[in-house]
Amino acid sequence: MNANQLINMVIRMVTRRLINKGVNTGIDIAARKGKRVEDMTPEERQEARKARELAKRGRKSMRIGRRLF
């Protein structure tokens, strides 16, 4: 393995982590409908928690689907 391949591998790993973090953050913001946690009512917090759990379940389903097909 040469230096170029090692550098590309590290860059891909870092990029993948950053993109995953950004996607997860975006999903959380969408679940909260753009509001801060402090500004939300208890009902809105519970609804946001359910939306995050639903998104998590969707990601798990996608992973399972990729393994099957």
N, C-alpha and C. Protein backbone atom coordinates (compact mmCIF):
# COMPACT_ATOMS: atom_id res chain seq x y z
N MET A 1 0.85 -1.17 0.00
CA MET A 1 0.00 0.00 0.00
C MET A 1 0.90 1.24 0.00
N ASN A 2 0.67 2.11 -0.94
CA ASN A 2 1.52 3.29 -1.02
C ASN A 2 0.90 4.45 -0.23
N ALA A 3 1.62 5.55 -0.16
CA ALA A 3 1.20 6.70 0.64
C ALA A 3 -0.11 7.29 0.13
N ASN A 4 -0.29 7.32 -1.18
CA ASN A 4 -1.51 7.88 -1.74
C ASN A 4 -2.74 7.09 -1.30
N GLN A 5 -2.65 5.79 -1.30
CA GLN A 5 -3.77 4.95 -0.88
C GLN A 5 -4.08 5.15 0.60
N LEU A 6 -3.03 5.26 1.42
CA LEU A 6 -3.25 5.48 2.85
C LEU A 6 -3.94 6.82 3.11
N ILE A 7 -3.48 7.85 2.42
CA ILE A 7 -4.09 9.17 2.59
C ILE A 7 -5.55 9.15 2.15
N ASN A 8 -5.82 8.52 1.01
CA ASN A 8 -7.21 8.43 0.53
C ASN A 8 -8.09 7.66 1.52
N MET A 9 -7.56 6.59 2.10
CA MET A 9 -8.31 5.80 3.05
C MET A 9 -8.67 6.64 4.28
N VAL A 10 -7.71 7.38 4.80
CA VAL A 10 -7.96 8.20 5.98
C VAL A 10 -8.96 9.31 5.65
N ILE A 11 -8.81 9.93 4.50
CA ILE A 11 -9.74 11.00 4.11
C ILE A 11 -11.15 10.45 3.96
N ARG A 12 -11.31 9.26 3.38
CA ARG A 12 -12.64 8.65 3.24
C ARG A 12 -13.25 8.37 4.60
N MET A 13 -12.44 7.87 5.53
CA MET A 13 -12.96 7.56 6.87
C MET A 13 -13.44 8.83 7.58
N VAL A 14 -12.64 9.88 7.50
CA VAL A 14 -13.01 11.14 8.16
C VAL A 14 -14.24 11.74 7.49
N THR A 15 -14.28 11.72 6.17
CA THR A 15 -15.42 12.28 5.44
C THR A 15 -16.69 11.52 5.78
N ARG A 16 -16.62 10.20 5.84
CA ARG A 16 -17.79 9.38 6.16
C ARG A 16 -18.33 9.74 7.54
N ARG A 17 -17.43 9.89 8.51
CA ARG A 17 -17.88 10.24 9.86
C ARG A 17 -18.53 11.62 9.90
N LEU A 18 -17.93 12.58 9.22
CA LEU A 18 -18.49 13.93 9.20
C LEU A 18 -19.86 13.97 8.54
N ILE A 19 -20.00 13.26 7.44
CA ILE A 19 -21.29 13.23 6.74
C ILE A 19 -22.34 12.55 7.61
N ASN A 20 -22.00 11.44 8.25
CA ASN A 20 -22.95 10.75 9.12
C ASN A 20 -23.37 11.65 10.27
N LYS A 21 -22.42 12.36 10.85
CA LYS A 21 -22.73 13.27 11.96
C LYS A 21 -23.67 14.38 11.47
N GLY A 22 -23.41 14.92 10.29
CA GLY A 22 -24.26 15.96 9.74
C GLY A 22 -25.66 15.47 9.46
N VAL A 23 -25.78 14.28 8.91
CA VAL A 23 -27.10 13.72 8.61
C VAL A 23 -27.88 13.50 9.90
N ASN A 24 -27.22 12.93 10.90
CA ASN A 24 -27.90 12.68 12.18
C ASN A 24 -28.32 13.98 12.84
N THR A 25 -27.47 15.00 12.77
CA THR A 25 -27.81 16.30 13.33
C THR A 25 -29.01 16.90 12.59
N GLY A 26 -29.02 16.78 11.28
CA GLY A 26 -30.14 17.28 10.49
C GLY A 26 -31.44 16.58 10.83
N ILE A 27 -31.38 15.28 11.04
CA ILE A 27 -32.58 14.52 11.41
C ILE A 27 -33.08 14.99 12.77
N ASP A 28 -32.16 15.21 13.72
CA ASP A 28 -32.57 15.69 15.04
C ASP A 28 -33.21 17.07 14.95
N ILE A 29 -32.65 17.96 14.15
CA ILE A 29 -33.22 19.30 14.00
C ILE A 29 -34.60 19.21 13.37
N ALA A 30 -34.74 18.35 12.37
CA ALA A 30 -36.05 18.18 11.73
C ALA A 30 -37.06 17.60 12.72
N ALA A 31 -36.61 16.69 13.58
CA ALA A 31 -37.52 16.09 14.56
C ALA A 31 -37.98 17.14 15.57
N ARG A 32 -37.11 18.09 15.88
CA ARG A 32 -37.47 19.16 16.82
C ARG A 32 -38.15 20.32 16.12
N LYS A 33 -38.29 20.23 14.81
CA LYS A 33 -38.91 21.28 13.99
C LYS A 33 -38.18 22.60 14.14
N GLY A 34 -36.87 22.55 14.32
CA GLY A 34 -36.05 23.74 14.37
C GLY A 34 -36.03 24.46 15.70
N LYS A 35 -36.72 23.94 16.69
CA LYS A 35 -36.76 24.60 17.99
C LYS A 35 -35.66 24.06 18.91
N ARG A 36 -35.22 24.90 19.83
CA ARG A 36 -34.28 24.43 20.85
C ARG A 36 -35.06 23.63 21.88
N VAL A 37 -34.38 22.74 22.57
CA VAL A 37 -35.03 21.90 23.57
C VAL A 37 -35.62 22.74 24.69
N GLU A 38 -34.92 23.82 25.06
CA GLU A 38 -35.40 24.68 26.15
C GLU A 38 -36.71 25.38 25.80
N ASP A 39 -36.94 25.64 24.52
CA ASP A 39 -38.13 26.37 24.09
C ASP A 39 -39.33 25.47 23.83
N MET A 40 -39.15 24.18 23.97
CA MET A 40 -40.22 23.24 23.65
C MET A 40 -41.06 22.91 24.89
N THR A 41 -42.33 22.62 24.65
CA THR A 41 -43.20 22.15 25.73
C THR A 41 -42.92 20.67 25.94
N PRO A 42 -43.33 20.11 27.07
CA PRO A 42 -43.11 18.68 27.31
C PRO A 42 -43.73 17.79 26.21
N GLU A 43 -44.88 18.21 25.67
CA GLU A 43 -45.51 17.42 24.61
C GLU A 43 -44.65 17.45 23.35
N GLU A 44 -44.10 18.61 23.04
CA GLU A 44 -43.24 18.73 21.85
C GLU A 44 -41.96 17.91 22.02
N ARG A 45 -41.44 17.90 23.23
CA ARG A 45 -40.23 17.09 23.48
C ARG A 45 -40.52 15.61 23.27
N GLN A 46 -41.67 15.17 23.77
CA GLN A 46 -42.03 13.77 23.59
C GLN A 46 -42.24 13.44 22.12
N GLU A 47 -42.86 14.34 21.39
CA GLU A 47 -43.06 14.13 19.95
C GLU A 47 -41.73 14.08 19.21
N ALA A 48 -40.80 14.95 19.59
CA ALA A 48 -39.48 14.96 18.96
C ALA A 48 -38.74 13.67 19.27
N ARG A 49 -38.86 13.17 20.49
CA ARG A 49 -38.22 11.91 20.87
C ARG A 49 -38.76 10.76 20.03
N LYS A 50 -40.08 10.76 19.81
CA LYS A 50 -40.69 9.71 18.98
C LYS A 50 -40.20 9.81 17.53
N ALA A 51 -40.05 11.04 17.04
CA ALA A 51 -39.57 11.22 15.66
C ALA A 51 -38.14 10.73 15.52
N ARG A 52 -37.29 10.99 16.53
CA ARG A 52 -35.91 10.51 16.48
C ARG A 52 -35.87 8.98 16.51
N GLU A 53 -36.72 8.38 17.34
CA GLU A 53 -36.77 6.92 17.39
C GLU A 53 -37.24 6.34 16.07
N LEU A 54 -38.19 6.99 15.43
CA LEU A 54 -38.68 6.55 14.13
C LEU A 54 -37.58 6.64 13.08
N ALA A 55 -36.80 7.72 13.12
CA ALA A 55 -35.68 7.87 12.18
C ALA A 55 -34.63 6.80 12.43
N LYS A 56 -34.38 6.50 13.70
CA LYS A 56 -33.41 5.46 14.05
C LYS A 56 -33.88 4.10 13.52
N ARG A 57 -35.17 3.82 13.67
CA ARG A 57 -35.72 2.57 13.17
C ARG A 57 -35.61 2.50 11.65
N GLY A 58 -35.81 3.63 10.99
CA GLY A 58 -35.68 3.68 9.53
C GLY A 58 -34.26 3.39 9.09
N ARG A 59 -33.27 3.97 9.80
CA ARG A 59 -31.87 3.69 9.46
C ARG A 59 -31.53 2.22 9.64
N LYS A 60 -32.06 1.61 10.72
CA LYS A 60 -31.83 0.18 10.95
C LYS A 60 -32.45 -0.65 9.83
N SER A 61 -33.66 -0.28 9.41
CA SER A 61 -34.33 -1.00 8.33
C SER A 61 -33.53 -0.91 7.03
N MET A 62 -32.97 0.27 6.76
CA MET A 62 -32.17 0.43 5.55
C MET A 62 -30.94 -0.47 5.60
N ARG A 63 -30.29 -0.54 6.78
CA ARG A 63 -29.12 -1.40 6.91
C ARG A 63 -29.48 -2.85 6.67
N ILE A 64 -30.59 -3.29 7.24
CA ILE A 64 -31.02 -4.68 7.06
C ILE A 64 -31.34 -4.94 5.59
N GLY A 65 -32.01 -3.98 4.95
CA GLY A 65 -32.34 -4.13 3.53
C GLY A 65 -31.09 -4.25 2.66
N ARG A 66 -30.07 -3.47 2.98
CA ARG A 66 -28.83 -3.55 2.21
C ARG A 66 -28.16 -4.91 2.37
N ARG A 67 -28.27 -5.48 3.57
CA ARG A 67 -27.65 -6.81 3.78
C ARG A 67 -28.40 -7.89 3.01
N LEU A 68 -29.71 -7.75 2.93
CA LEU A 68 -30.50 -8.77 2.26
C LEU A 68 -30.35 -8.74 0.75
N PHE A 69 -30.21 -7.54 0.19
CA PHE A 69 -30.19 -7.45 -1.28
C PHE A 69 -28.85 -7.06 -1.73
